[in-house]
Amino acid sequence: MKHPNGEGAAATSPKKPRLIKRLKGEANPQKVFRQGLLNEAETLRKDYVKSGPYQHIVIPSLVSDDLLRRVRQELLAIHATRKETDIYRVFQTGDLANLDGLPDHELKQLSNLLELRNALYSEEFRDFVGKVCGVGKLSPSKADLSHNRYKAGCHLLCHDDVIGTRSVSYIIYLTDPDHPWKPEDGGGLELLPVVSKGTPAVHPTVIIPPSWNQMAMFAVQPGHSFHSVAEVVSVDRDRPSISGWFHVMQPEDMTEEEFAAYEKEQAELGAEKATASLDQLMNDDGEFPFHDLPKFSVKGSHFQHPLNLKKKAKMKIQLHLLLRKSHSSSHLSTQSNERFCSESSIQLTSFLEPSLAASLTASTIHQDEHDDLLPKKPRSPKTPAPIANYEAGIKGNWTPTGPSHKHHLASIQHTLFTSKPFLRFLYLITSLKPTSLRSRIRRFRPGMDYTLATTSSANEDLGVLDATLCFVCERTKKDAEAWASDEVGGFDCYMAPDEGNEDPAQYRAQKRWAEGDGGALLSVSATSNCLNLVMREGEVMRFIKYVGRELLEFQYE
């Protein structure tokens, strides 16, 4: 049998130790970690087992204080690049696992970081982690860690961390040791229970605030270890950290006997492996199903422009009273139809009749002020936004809607988009005759709500027509500019499927939202009183970016 290193072993020859990969440099865990830590595994294991919503542990004063201060200085001297996807916004440095490949003169500038990395992946600390978390042997060669800086507005949304051979997830906080981080600064690690197999709850039940020299860790469990990082709302401080994973033993770490047992175990597991949150994300599995629409005619002399039917028509919804008069123009409908048929999308601005749009905006502002989601006066840029209150706005007919690894918002049902006049209007603009529909009003609360990139559960051969009528709060010119810049989120983005990266916290990290750069097929900023019509094929992924606390304004659609 041949092994990954390309060497074969004769069946009759004695087993020889395989060449096992090791990290560069020496490890001195007794010096790096605080005195006595490695002897506390049994005590910490008891706390770990008793914890919830799933087993985890928080270890204070992990590392020698002097050493970690030097590590912090080394990391903050490295340039961090902003990275953003549907699931996160964060500033990252290069991969810290690849320190061994640096030239010696560069490695000397990161000598304290190298010392910490080698101690983290030393045999002593790996055994310690394995005992605390109750997992098997951990890889000595696969170091997997990075440095992240969460500035104001940075966040990481719900996922379970299940990728490849990850076994234990950890984070070490490097907040300012001389100016303690406060819970109200945001950036806490949020742990979510599961309500059914593979489905996280809408809201977290445990929030772990960042603290200097503190380590949080947990075993990675498919469809179970759901967590997120709350948005940082501090306006003058960053939340730096080192985060990473311990992996199960890799083939190159094993002896001949261990490798044979590993192969047997993998063969027995086969297709029984649980599905990671990213695999679930790639498909909308019908939690919000389509329903058949009423039949309506678009042919024959009896078919009239829906806006010309006026009050004499016996219809529950008089569309001509709702839409702006310019949209009743046959000439405009023809122009819109030509554009849609050419581009497969169109944005109809000032869609509703002005007085109706103004009334809706006033009502939503009043509702958000009443629910403490919107301050009565715009917040000063120097004043931090309050951290999220997940119960805010959940009253009356508003329902918290998850699951959080796909979307997080509040919603109610409505009937406008199901009416025959509106379906006829859509036909005039798009030349498409919808046969089924799903429709609801969605409320995106600042600091809480989003949808992650998913495909559609509808027939892939037919595709889906997305019709989104959007309203946002624009009390000042600055508000309007912020929405238009997309910096506060809320924009609607369409992307081609990306099969090259499995990581729900890293996939599409290099892609930006601008059209034509190989990332987004289409990106539409959140704009008040605008109807967005987009025809998408079944495999195209769509998301609405997390609405940040920075602006503290609402978005409805």
Protein backbone atom coordinates (compact mmCIF):
# COMPACT_ATOMS: atom_id res chain seq x y z
CA MET A 1 0.00 0.00 0.00
CA LYS A 2 1.26 3.48 -0.82
CA HIS A 3 1.06 6.28 1.71
CA PRO A 4 0.76 10.07 1.17
CA ASN A 5 4.57 10.38 1.16
CA GLY A 6 4.69 8.04 -1.84
CA GLU A 7 6.56 5.25 -0.02
CA GLY A 8 5.38 1.64 -0.04
CA ALA A 9 5.98 -1.04 2.57
CA ALA A 10 6.32 -4.73 1.82
CA ALA A 11 3.85 -6.91 3.66
CA THR A 12 6.60 -9.07 5.12
CA SER A 13 8.92 -6.27 6.21
CA PRO A 14 8.88 -4.97 9.79
CA LYS A 15 6.94 -1.79 10.48
CA LYS A 16 9.16 1.28 10.55
CA PRO A 17 8.32 4.67 12.04
CA ARG A 18 7.18 7.09 9.35
CA LEU A 19 8.87 10.47 8.89
CA ILE A 20 6.76 12.67 11.14
CA LYS A 21 6.50 16.38 10.40
CA ARG A 22 7.34 18.86 13.16
CA LEU A 23 7.09 22.63 13.52
CA LYS A 24 10.21 24.76 13.25
CA GLY A 25 11.80 25.92 16.48
CA GLU A 26 11.73 24.74 20.08
CA ALA A 27 8.71 24.59 22.37
CA ASN A 28 8.83 25.49 26.05
CA PRO A 29 5.23 25.31 27.33
CA GLN A 30 6.24 25.39 31.00
CA LYS A 31 7.80 28.81 30.40
CA VAL A 32 5.08 30.17 28.08
CA PHE A 33 1.93 29.30 30.02
CA ARG A 34 1.15 30.50 33.50
CA GLN A 35 2.56 28.44 36.32
CA GLY A 36 0.54 25.33 37.14
CA LEU A 37 -1.87 25.59 34.18
CA LEU A 38 -0.91 22.26 32.63
CA ASN A 39 -1.73 20.53 35.94
CA GLU A 40 -5.31 21.84 35.97
CA ALA A 41 -6.68 19.62 33.18
CA GLU A 42 -8.87 17.47 35.45
CA THR A 43 -10.43 20.47 37.21
CA LEU A 44 -11.06 22.29 33.93
CA ARG A 45 -12.51 19.11 32.44
CA LYS A 46 -15.20 19.08 35.13
CA ASP A 47 -16.13 22.69 34.35
CA TYR A 48 -16.09 21.90 30.63
CA VAL A 49 -18.52 18.98 30.99
CA LYS A 50 -20.99 21.06 33.05
CA SER A 51 -21.05 24.02 30.64
CA GLY A 52 -23.74 24.92 28.10
CA PRO A 53 -25.37 25.43 25.63
CA TYR A 54 -22.64 23.06 24.45
CA GLN A 55 -19.44 22.13 26.23
CA HIS A 56 -16.80 24.86 26.32
CA ILE A 57 -14.22 26.31 28.68
CA VAL A 58 -12.89 29.80 29.42
CA ILE A 59 -9.34 29.93 30.81
CA PRO A 60 -8.14 33.24 32.33
CA SER A 61 -4.47 34.26 32.52
CA LEU A 62 -3.45 31.66 29.94
CA VAL A 63 0.03 32.92 29.04
CA SER A 64 2.88 34.62 30.87
CA ASP A 65 1.77 38.25 30.95
CA ASP A 66 5.12 39.67 29.84
CA LEU A 67 5.36 37.29 26.89
CA LEU A 68 1.81 37.97 25.69
CA ARG A 69 2.41 41.72 25.84
CA ARG A 70 5.39 41.24 23.53
CA VAL A 71 3.31 39.03 21.23
CA ARG A 72 0.66 41.74 21.10
CA GLN A 73 3.23 44.36 20.14
CA GLU A 74 4.60 42.15 17.36
CA LEU A 75 1.15 41.48 15.91
CA LEU A 76 -0.05 45.08 16.05
CA ALA A 77 3.04 46.10 14.07
CA ILE A 78 1.90 43.90 11.17
CA HIS A 79 -0.42 45.39 8.54
CA ALA A 80 -3.94 43.95 8.71
CA THR A 81 -6.12 43.84 5.60
CA ARG A 82 -9.88 44.31 5.69
CA LYS A 83 -11.76 41.21 4.55
CA GLU A 84 -15.50 40.94 4.15
CA THR A 85 -17.99 38.33 3.01
CA ASP A 86 -21.64 37.66 3.73
CA ILE A 87 -20.64 36.06 7.03
CA TYR A 88 -18.03 38.44 8.42
CA ARG A 89 -16.12 41.70 8.36
CA VAL A 90 -12.68 41.60 9.95
CA PHE A 91 -9.10 42.81 9.55
CA GLN A 92 -6.56 40.00 9.15
CA THR A 93 -2.80 39.61 8.90
CA GLY A 94 -1.13 36.80 7.00
CA ASP A 95 -1.48 33.15 7.98
CA LEU A 96 0.40 32.66 11.25
CA ALA A 97 0.69 28.94 10.57
CA ASN A 98 3.25 29.68 7.85
CA LEU A 99 5.83 31.36 10.08
CA ASP A 100 8.30 28.60 9.28
CA GLY A 101 8.51 29.82 5.70
CA LEU A 102 9.68 33.33 6.61
CA PRO A 103 13.31 34.39 6.15
CA ASP A 104 15.33 34.34 9.37
CA HIS A 105 15.56 38.14 9.59
CA GLU A 106 11.74 38.43 9.45
CA LEU A 107 11.24 35.55 11.85
CA LYS A 108 13.40 37.32 14.43
CA GLN A 109 10.88 40.18 14.44
CA LEU A 110 8.20 37.66 15.44
CA SER A 111 10.25 35.61 17.88
CA ASN A 112 7.73 35.91 20.72
CA LEU A 113 4.86 34.92 18.44
CA LEU A 114 6.84 31.89 17.25
CA GLU A 115 7.48 30.92 20.87
CA LEU A 116 3.76 31.13 21.65
CA ARG A 117 2.76 29.19 18.53
CA ASN A 118 5.18 26.36 19.27
CA ALA A 119 3.98 26.17 22.87
CA LEU A 120 0.34 26.03 21.74
CA TYR A 121 1.07 23.08 19.46
CA SER A 122 3.56 21.37 21.79
CA GLU A 123 2.89 17.82 22.93
CA GLU A 124 2.27 18.99 26.51
CA PHE A 125 -0.35 21.57 25.58
CA ARG A 126 -2.01 19.35 22.97
CA ASP A 127 -2.39 16.65 25.62
CA PHE A 128 -3.79 19.28 27.99
CA VAL A 129 -6.37 20.42 25.40
CA GLY A 130 -7.28 16.82 24.57
CA LYS A 131 -7.94 16.01 28.23
CA VAL A 132 -9.99 19.16 28.88
CA CYS A 133 -12.13 18.79 25.75
CA GLY A 134 -12.31 15.01 25.77
CA VAL A 135 -11.00 14.58 22.23
CA GLY A 136 -8.42 12.18 20.83
CA LYS A 137 -4.80 12.82 19.91
CA LEU A 138 -4.21 16.16 18.20
CA SER A 139 -1.88 16.88 15.30
CA PRO A 140 1.63 18.10 16.18
CA SER A 141 2.26 19.38 12.65
CA LYS A 142 -0.92 21.14 11.53
CA ALA A 143 -0.75 24.55 13.15
CA ASP A 144 -3.84 26.52 12.15
CA LEU A 145 -4.08 30.04 13.56
CA SER A 146 -4.52 33.65 12.50
CA HIS A 147 -4.51 37.15 13.94
CA ASN A 148 -7.79 39.05 13.66
CA ARG A 149 -8.54 42.66 14.54
CA TYR A 150 -12.15 43.53 15.09
CA LYS A 151 -12.58 47.25 14.59
CA ALA A 152 -15.87 49.15 14.93
CA GLY A 153 -18.47 47.38 12.78
CA CYS A 154 -16.55 44.10 12.52
CA HIS A 155 -18.48 40.90 13.18
CA LEU A 156 -18.64 37.16 12.51
CA LEU A 157 -22.06 35.56 12.02
CA CYS A 158 -23.34 32.15 13.06
CA HIS A 159 -21.53 28.98 11.90
CA ASP A 160 -20.30 25.73 13.45
CA ASP A 161 -16.57 25.73 12.43
CA VAL A 162 -16.81 22.24 10.93
CA ILE A 163 -14.23 22.11 8.15
CA GLY A 164 -11.88 19.30 7.23
CA THR A 165 -10.02 17.83 10.21
CA ARG A 166 -10.69 20.52 12.81
CA SER A 167 -11.11 19.10 16.28
CA VAL A 168 -10.93 21.98 18.79
CA SER A 169 -11.58 25.69 18.18
CA TYR A 170 -9.94 28.36 20.32
CA ILE A 171 -9.52 32.11 20.66
CA ILE A 172 -6.96 34.04 22.73
CA TYR A 173 -7.89 37.66 23.45
CA LEU A 174 -5.25 40.37 23.05
CA THR A 175 -7.29 43.36 24.17
CA ASP A 176 -5.45 46.29 25.77
CA PRO A 177 -4.07 44.90 29.07
CA ASP A 178 -3.95 48.36 30.66
CA HIS A 179 -7.45 49.45 29.64
CA PRO A 180 -9.83 46.53 30.23
CA TRP A 181 -12.37 45.74 27.53
CA LYS A 182 -15.97 46.28 28.62
CA PRO A 183 -18.93 44.06 27.66
CA GLU A 184 -20.67 47.14 26.24
CA ASP A 185 -17.81 47.48 23.72
CA GLY A 186 -19.24 44.42 21.92
CA GLY A 187 -17.19 41.70 20.27
CA GLY A 188 -18.34 38.95 22.63
CA LEU A 189 -18.25 35.27 21.67
CA GLU A 190 -21.89 34.16 21.34
CA LEU A 191 -22.81 30.49 21.79
CA LEU A 192 -26.12 29.24 20.39
CA PRO A 193 -28.00 26.09 21.43
CA VAL A 194 -29.58 23.81 18.84
CA VAL A 195 -33.37 23.51 18.65
CA SER A 196 -33.18 20.38 16.49
CA LYS A 197 -30.45 18.39 14.78
CA GLY A 198 -28.25 20.80 12.85
CA THR A 199 -30.50 23.81 13.52
CA PRO A 200 -29.32 26.58 15.87
CA ALA A 201 -31.64 28.76 17.92
CA VAL A 202 -32.37 32.29 16.77
CA HIS A 203 -30.62 33.91 19.74
CA PRO A 204 -27.46 33.03 21.72
CA THR A 205 -27.84 31.91 25.33
CA VAL A 206 -24.22 32.47 26.41
CA ILE A 207 -22.08 35.51 25.59
CA ILE A 208 -18.40 35.46 26.61
CA PRO A 209 -16.98 39.01 26.82
CA PRO A 210 -13.39 39.48 25.61
CA SER A 211 -10.76 39.82 28.33
CA TRP A 212 -6.99 40.23 28.18
CA ASN A 213 -5.04 36.94 28.19
CA GLN A 214 -8.21 34.84 28.21
CA MET A 215 -8.68 31.70 26.13
CA ALA A 216 -12.05 30.24 25.13
CA MET A 217 -12.17 26.84 23.47
CA PHE A 218 -14.59 24.06 22.54
CA ALA A 219 -14.67 20.84 20.56
CA VAL A 220 -15.87 21.34 16.99
CA GLN A 221 -19.11 19.39 16.49
CA PRO A 222 -20.97 19.16 13.15
CA GLY A 223 -24.33 20.91 13.33
CA HIS A 224 -23.89 21.63 17.03
CA SER A 225 -21.02 24.00 17.91
CA PHE A 226 -22.79 27.10 16.53
CA HIS A 227 -21.25 30.40 17.53
CA SER A 228 -20.80 33.98 16.38
CA VAL A 229 -18.86 37.11 17.31
CA ALA A 230 -21.00 40.13 18.16
CA GLU A 231 -20.31 43.38 16.35
CA VAL A 232 -17.68 45.60 17.94
CA VAL A 233 -19.32 48.93 18.76
CA SER A 234 -16.42 50.72 20.47
CA VAL A 235 -15.51 53.75 18.36
CA ASP A 236 -11.92 54.15 19.59
CA ARG A 237 -10.59 50.67 20.37
CA ASP A 238 -9.93 47.48 18.43
CA ARG A 239 -10.47 43.93 19.67
CA PRO A 240 -7.35 41.95 18.57
CA SER A 241 -7.10 38.21 19.06
CA ILE A 242 -5.42 35.01 17.94
CA SER A 243 -7.89 32.38 16.82
CA GLY A 244 -7.29 28.93 15.47
CA TRP A 245 -7.89 25.21 15.61
CA PHE A 246 -6.28 22.03 16.78
CA HIS A 247 -6.69 19.30 14.18
CA VAL A 248 -6.99 15.55 14.50
CA MET A 249 -3.88 13.56 13.72
CA GLN A 250 -2.83 13.93 10.09
CA PRO A 251 -1.47 11.03 8.00
CA GLU A 252 2.01 12.58 8.11
CA ASP A 253 1.87 12.58 11.94
CA MET A 254 1.25 8.85 12.21
CA THR A 255 3.30 5.71 12.50
CA GLU A 256 2.53 2.84 10.12
CA GLU A 257 0.18 1.23 12.65
CA GLU A 258 -1.62 4.50 13.37
CA PHE A 259 -2.03 5.22 9.66
CA ALA A 260 -3.57 1.79 9.02
CA ALA A 261 -6.05 2.34 11.86
CA TYR A 262 -6.81 5.82 10.49
CA GLU A 263 -7.60 4.46 7.02
CA LYS A 264 -9.91 1.84 8.51
CA GLU A 265 -11.72 4.46 10.59
CA GLN A 266 -12.22 6.74 7.58
CA ALA A 267 -13.62 3.87 5.53
CA GLU A 268 -16.09 3.00 8.30
CA LEU A 269 -17.23 6.61 8.67
CA GLY A 270 -17.94 6.92 4.95
CA ALA A 271 -21.04 8.97 4.25
CA GLU A 272 -22.10 9.06 7.90
CA LYS A 273 -20.22 12.29 8.56
CA ALA A 274 -22.51 15.09 9.70
CA THR A 275 -23.15 18.03 7.44
CA ALA A 276 -21.29 21.24 8.25
CA SER A 277 -23.15 24.54 8.38
CA LEU A 278 -21.62 25.67 5.07
CA ASP A 279 -22.97 22.60 3.28
CA GLN A 280 -26.40 23.46 4.65
CA LEU A 281 -25.94 27.08 3.59
CA MET A 282 -25.40 26.17 -0.04
CA ASN A 283 -29.02 25.09 -0.32
CA ASP A 284 -32.22 26.67 0.89
CA ASP A 285 -33.95 23.53 2.13
CA GLY A 286 -37.49 24.85 2.14
CA GLU A 287 -37.96 26.33 5.62
CA PHE A 288 -39.70 29.15 3.76
CA PRO A 289 -41.54 27.21 1.02
CA PHE A 290 -43.16 28.44 -2.16
CA HIS A 291 -46.97 28.31 -2.53
CA ASP A 292 -49.08 28.16 -5.67
CA LEU A 293 -50.39 31.47 -6.97
CA PRO A 294 -53.92 32.19 -8.22
CA LYS A 295 -54.26 31.88 -11.97
CA PHE A 296 -54.48 35.11 -13.95
CA SER A 297 -54.70 35.92 -17.62
CA VAL A 298 -52.09 37.88 -19.56
CA LYS A 299 -53.57 37.33 -23.03
CA GLY A 300 -56.63 38.38 -25.00
CA SER A 301 -58.58 41.60 -25.36
CA HIS A 302 -59.86 41.35 -21.81
CA PHE A 303 -56.33 41.82 -20.41
CA GLN A 304 -55.74 45.43 -19.43
CA HIS A 305 -52.85 47.30 -17.85
CA PRO A 306 -53.38 46.70 -14.10
CA LEU A 307 -53.01 50.41 -13.34
CA ASN A 308 -55.83 51.32 -15.72
CA LEU A 309 -58.41 49.08 -14.09
CA LYS A 310 -59.18 51.75 -11.50
CA LYS A 311 -61.95 51.49 -8.93
CA LYS A 312 -64.53 49.86 -11.19
CA ALA A 313 -62.59 46.62 -10.99
CA LYS A 314 -63.77 44.34 -8.22
CA MET A 315 -60.41 43.81 -6.59
CA LYS A 316 -59.36 43.85 -2.98
CA ILE A 317 -56.22 45.83 -3.87
CA GLN A 318 -56.47 48.93 -6.08
CA LEU A 319 -52.95 49.02 -7.43
CA HIS A 320 -53.36 52.39 -9.11
CA LEU A 321 -53.86 53.95 -5.68
CA LEU A 322 -50.61 52.49 -4.36
CA LEU A 323 -48.04 53.11 -7.07
CA ARG A 324 -46.49 56.32 -8.30
CA LYS A 325 -48.33 57.68 -11.35
CA SER A 326 -45.28 57.46 -13.60
CA HIS A 327 -45.37 53.69 -13.30
CA SER A 328 -48.79 53.66 -14.99
CA SER A 329 -47.25 54.94 -18.20
CA SER A 330 -47.34 52.35 -20.98
CA HIS A 331 -44.21 53.93 -22.45
CA LEU A 332 -42.35 53.52 -19.15
CA SER A 333 -43.53 49.92 -18.83
CA THR A 334 -42.16 49.18 -22.30
CA GLN A 335 -38.81 50.77 -21.45
CA SER A 336 -38.63 48.87 -18.17
CA ASN A 337 -39.49 45.62 -19.93
CA GLU A 338 -36.74 46.12 -22.50
CA ARG A 339 -34.18 46.83 -19.80
CA PHE A 340 -35.20 43.87 -17.66
CA CYS A 341 -35.16 41.46 -20.59
CA SER A 342 -31.68 42.70 -21.47
CA GLU A 343 -30.13 42.73 -17.97
CA SER A 344 -32.35 40.30 -15.98
CA SER A 345 -32.73 42.95 -13.29
CA ILE A 346 -34.16 46.41 -12.76
CA GLN A 347 -34.58 48.86 -9.89
CA LEU A 348 -37.83 50.84 -9.92
CA THR A 349 -37.15 53.88 -7.73
CA SER A 350 -39.88 55.94 -6.05
CA PHE A 351 -42.11 52.93 -6.53
CA LEU A 352 -45.00 53.69 -4.20
CA GLU A 353 -47.11 56.82 -4.38
CA PRO A 354 -45.17 59.58 -2.47
CA SER A 355 -47.71 60.19 0.29
CA LEU A 356 -48.04 56.45 0.92
CA ALA A 357 -44.25 56.02 0.99
CA ALA A 358 -43.91 58.93 3.43
CA SER A 359 -46.61 57.44 5.64
CA LEU A 360 -44.90 54.04 5.67
CA THR A 361 -41.54 55.61 6.50
CA ALA A 362 -43.05 57.65 9.35
CA SER A 363 -44.78 54.54 10.72
CA THR A 364 -41.61 52.47 10.67
CA ILE A 365 -39.61 55.25 12.35
CA HIS A 366 -42.25 55.52 15.06
CA GLN A 367 -42.28 51.73 15.53
CA ASP A 368 -38.49 51.51 15.79
CA GLU A 369 -38.35 54.40 18.26
CA HIS A 370 -41.05 52.68 20.32
CA ASP A 371 -39.07 49.41 20.28
CA ASP A 372 -35.83 51.18 21.35
CA LEU A 373 -34.22 50.28 18.04
CA LEU A 374 -33.86 53.87 16.92
CA PRO A 375 -32.79 56.87 19.05
CA LYS A 376 -35.10 59.85 18.80
CA LYS A 377 -32.07 61.95 17.81
CA PRO A 378 -29.15 60.83 15.61
CA ARG A 379 -26.20 59.52 17.63
CA SER A 380 -22.93 61.44 17.74
CA PRO A 381 -20.11 59.67 15.84
CA LYS A 382 -18.06 59.71 19.06
CA THR A 383 -20.78 57.91 21.02
CA PRO A 384 -20.65 54.08 20.87
CA ALA A 385 -23.81 52.34 19.75
CA PRO A 386 -25.46 50.10 22.35
CA ILE A 387 -24.86 46.37 21.98
CA ALA A 388 -27.65 44.26 20.48
CA ASN A 389 -30.81 43.49 22.42
CA TYR A 390 -32.17 40.43 20.62
CA GLU A 391 -35.65 40.83 22.10
CA ALA A 392 -36.07 44.37 20.75
CA GLY A 393 -38.83 44.66 18.18
CA ILE A 394 -40.19 41.16 18.81
CA LYS A 395 -43.78 41.93 19.70
CA GLY A 396 -47.20 42.02 18.10
CA ASN A 397 -47.08 40.14 14.79
CA TRP A 398 -43.29 40.33 14.46
CA THR A 399 -41.71 36.88 14.73
CA PRO A 400 -38.00 36.12 15.27
CA THR A 401 -36.95 34.14 12.22
CA GLY A 402 -33.98 31.80 11.85
CA PRO A 403 -32.14 29.48 11.72
CA SER A 404 -29.20 31.72 12.53
CA HIS A 405 -26.71 29.84 10.33
CA LYS A 406 -28.85 30.94 7.34
CA HIS A 407 -30.63 34.12 8.38
CA HIS A 408 -31.63 36.21 11.39
CA LEU A 409 -34.46 38.72 11.15
CA ALA A 410 -38.02 39.53 12.17
CA SER A 411 -40.92 38.91 9.81
CA ILE A 412 -44.68 39.05 9.27
CA GLN A 413 -46.86 37.86 6.41
CA HIS A 414 -48.61 40.12 3.89
CA THR A 415 -50.77 39.91 0.75
CA LEU A 416 -49.72 42.70 -1.68
CA PHE A 417 -47.33 40.58 -3.76
CA THR A 418 -49.91 37.78 -4.03
CA SER A 419 -52.60 39.98 -5.60
CA LYS A 420 -53.58 39.53 -9.25
CA PRO A 421 -53.02 43.23 -10.11
CA PHE A 422 -49.45 43.02 -8.86
CA LEU A 423 -48.81 39.76 -10.71
CA ARG A 424 -50.04 41.41 -13.91
CA PHE A 425 -47.77 44.38 -13.22
CA LEU A 426 -44.81 42.03 -12.86
CA TYR A 427 -45.68 40.43 -16.19
CA LEU A 428 -45.65 43.80 -17.95
CA ILE A 429 -42.20 44.62 -16.57
CA THR A 430 -40.56 41.20 -16.84
CA SER A 431 -42.55 39.16 -19.40
CA LEU A 432 -42.57 36.46 -16.72
CA LYS A 433 -45.69 34.75 -15.40
CA PRO A 434 -45.05 33.52 -11.85
CA THR A 435 -46.70 30.23 -10.91
CA SER A 436 -45.73 30.07 -7.23
CA LEU A 437 -44.66 32.54 -4.59
CA ARG A 438 -43.33 33.02 -1.09
CA SER A 439 -43.79 36.43 0.45
CA ARG A 440 -43.29 38.17 3.77
CA ILE A 441 -42.26 41.49 5.27
CA ARG A 442 -38.77 41.34 6.77
CA ARG A 443 -37.41 43.70 9.38
CA PHE A 444 -33.62 44.00 9.62
CA ARG A 445 -32.73 45.39 13.03
CA PRO A 446 -29.32 47.08 13.42
CA GLY A 447 -26.69 44.91 15.07
CA MET A 448 -28.71 41.72 14.75
CA ASP A 449 -30.15 40.82 11.38
CA TYR A 450 -28.92 39.43 8.06
CA THR A 451 -29.29 36.60 5.57
CA LEU A 452 -26.35 34.44 4.49
CA ALA A 453 -25.67 33.31 0.94
CA THR A 454 -28.03 30.54 -0.14
CA THR A 455 -29.45 29.25 -3.37
CA SER A 456 -33.17 28.82 -3.98
CA SER A 457 -35.24 25.73 -3.25
CA ALA A 458 -37.33 26.39 -6.35
CA ASN A 459 -37.00 24.56 -9.68
CA GLU A 460 -33.47 25.26 -10.89
CA ASP A 461 -34.51 24.96 -14.54
CA LEU A 462 -37.09 27.72 -14.18
CA GLY A 463 -35.24 30.05 -11.83
CA VAL A 464 -36.66 32.60 -9.41
CA LEU A 465 -37.84 36.19 -9.77
CA ASP A 466 -36.88 38.11 -6.62
CA ALA A 467 -39.16 41.11 -6.02
CA THR A 468 -37.93 43.22 -3.09
CA LEU A 469 -39.54 46.48 -2.02
CA CYS A 470 -37.09 48.16 0.36
CA PHE A 471 -37.44 50.92 2.97
CA VAL A 472 -34.62 52.39 5.06
CA CYS A 473 -34.44 55.27 7.50
CA GLU A 474 -32.81 58.36 6.00
CA ARG A 475 -33.30 61.12 8.55
CA THR A 476 -30.19 63.02 7.45
CA LYS A 477 -28.05 63.36 4.33
CA LYS A 478 -25.35 61.40 6.15
CA ASP A 479 -27.79 58.51 6.63
CA ALA A 480 -28.54 58.39 2.91
CA GLU A 481 -24.83 58.48 2.06
CA ALA A 482 -24.10 55.67 4.51
CA TRP A 483 -26.73 53.39 2.97
CA ALA A 484 -25.49 54.22 -0.54
CA SER A 485 -21.88 53.41 0.42
CA ASP A 486 -22.87 49.94 1.71
CA GLU A 487 -20.61 50.50 4.75
CA VAL A 488 -23.49 49.86 7.15
CA GLY A 489 -24.60 46.74 5.29
CA GLY A 490 -28.16 46.02 4.23
CA PHE A 491 -27.24 45.70 0.55
CA ASP A 492 -28.62 42.86 -1.57
CA CYS A 493 -25.91 40.77 -3.23
CA TYR A 494 -26.00 38.00 -5.84
CA MET A 495 -23.00 35.72 -6.29
CA ALA A 496 -22.03 32.75 -8.40
CA PRO A 497 -21.47 29.55 -6.39
CA ASP A 498 -17.92 29.24 -5.06
CA GLU A 499 -16.89 25.62 -4.79
CA GLY A 500 -13.21 26.24 -4.16
CA ASN A 501 -13.34 26.95 -0.42
CA GLU A 502 -15.19 24.98 2.24
CA ASP A 503 -14.74 27.32 5.18
CA PRO A 504 -17.92 29.18 6.24
CA ALA A 505 -15.73 31.75 8.00
CA GLN A 506 -13.34 32.20 5.08
CA TYR A 507 -15.01 31.36 1.76
CA ARG A 508 -15.08 34.18 -0.78
CA ALA A 509 -12.85 36.18 1.57
CA GLN A 510 -10.86 37.67 -1.29
CA LYS A 511 -13.89 38.77 -3.28
CA ARG A 512 -15.37 42.22 -3.10
CA TRP A 513 -18.92 43.22 -3.85
CA ALA A 514 -18.29 45.51 -6.81
CA GLU A 515 -19.76 44.21 -10.05
CA GLY A 516 -17.34 42.94 -12.65
CA ASP A 517 -14.51 41.97 -10.29
CA GLY A 518 -15.23 38.26 -10.32
CA GLY A 519 -17.10 38.38 -7.01
CA ALA A 520 -20.65 39.70 -7.15
CA LEU A 521 -22.87 39.23 -10.16
CA LEU A 522 -25.05 42.07 -8.89
CA SER A 523 -25.07 44.24 -5.78
CA VAL A 524 -27.96 46.58 -4.96
CA SER A 525 -27.66 49.18 -2.20
CA ALA A 526 -30.49 49.54 0.30
CA THR A 527 -32.68 52.39 -0.99
CA SER A 528 -36.01 53.61 0.32
CA ASN A 529 -39.15 53.06 -1.74
CA CYS A 530 -37.33 51.05 -4.40
CA LEU A 531 -38.61 47.83 -5.98
CA ASN A 532 -35.75 45.54 -7.02
CA LEU A 533 -36.62 42.87 -9.57
CA VAL A 534 -33.94 40.25 -10.21
CA MET A 535 -34.23 37.04 -12.21
CA ARG A 536 -31.76 34.44 -10.94
CA GLU A 537 -30.94 30.90 -11.89
CA GLY A 538 -31.24 28.19 -9.28
CA GLU A 539 -27.53 27.92 -8.47
CA VAL A 540 -26.99 31.67 -7.97
CA MET A 541 -26.50 32.58 -4.31
CA ARG A 542 -28.10 35.60 -2.67
CA PHE A 543 -27.60 37.34 0.65
CA ILE A 544 -28.49 40.57 2.43
CA LYS A 545 -25.50 41.89 4.33
CA TYR A 546 -25.67 42.18 8.11
CA VAL A 547 -27.01 45.60 9.13
CA GLY A 548 -24.47 47.19 11.46
CA ARG A 549 -25.03 49.18 14.65
CA GLU A 550 -22.96 52.08 13.35
CA LEU A 551 -25.91 53.85 11.73
CA LEU A 552 -28.54 52.58 14.14
CA GLU A 553 -31.19 52.80 11.45
CA PHE A 554 -33.72 50.21 10.34
CA GLN A 555 -34.32 48.42 7.08
CA TYR A 556 -37.65 46.93 6.02
CA GLU A 557 -38.48 45.02 2.86
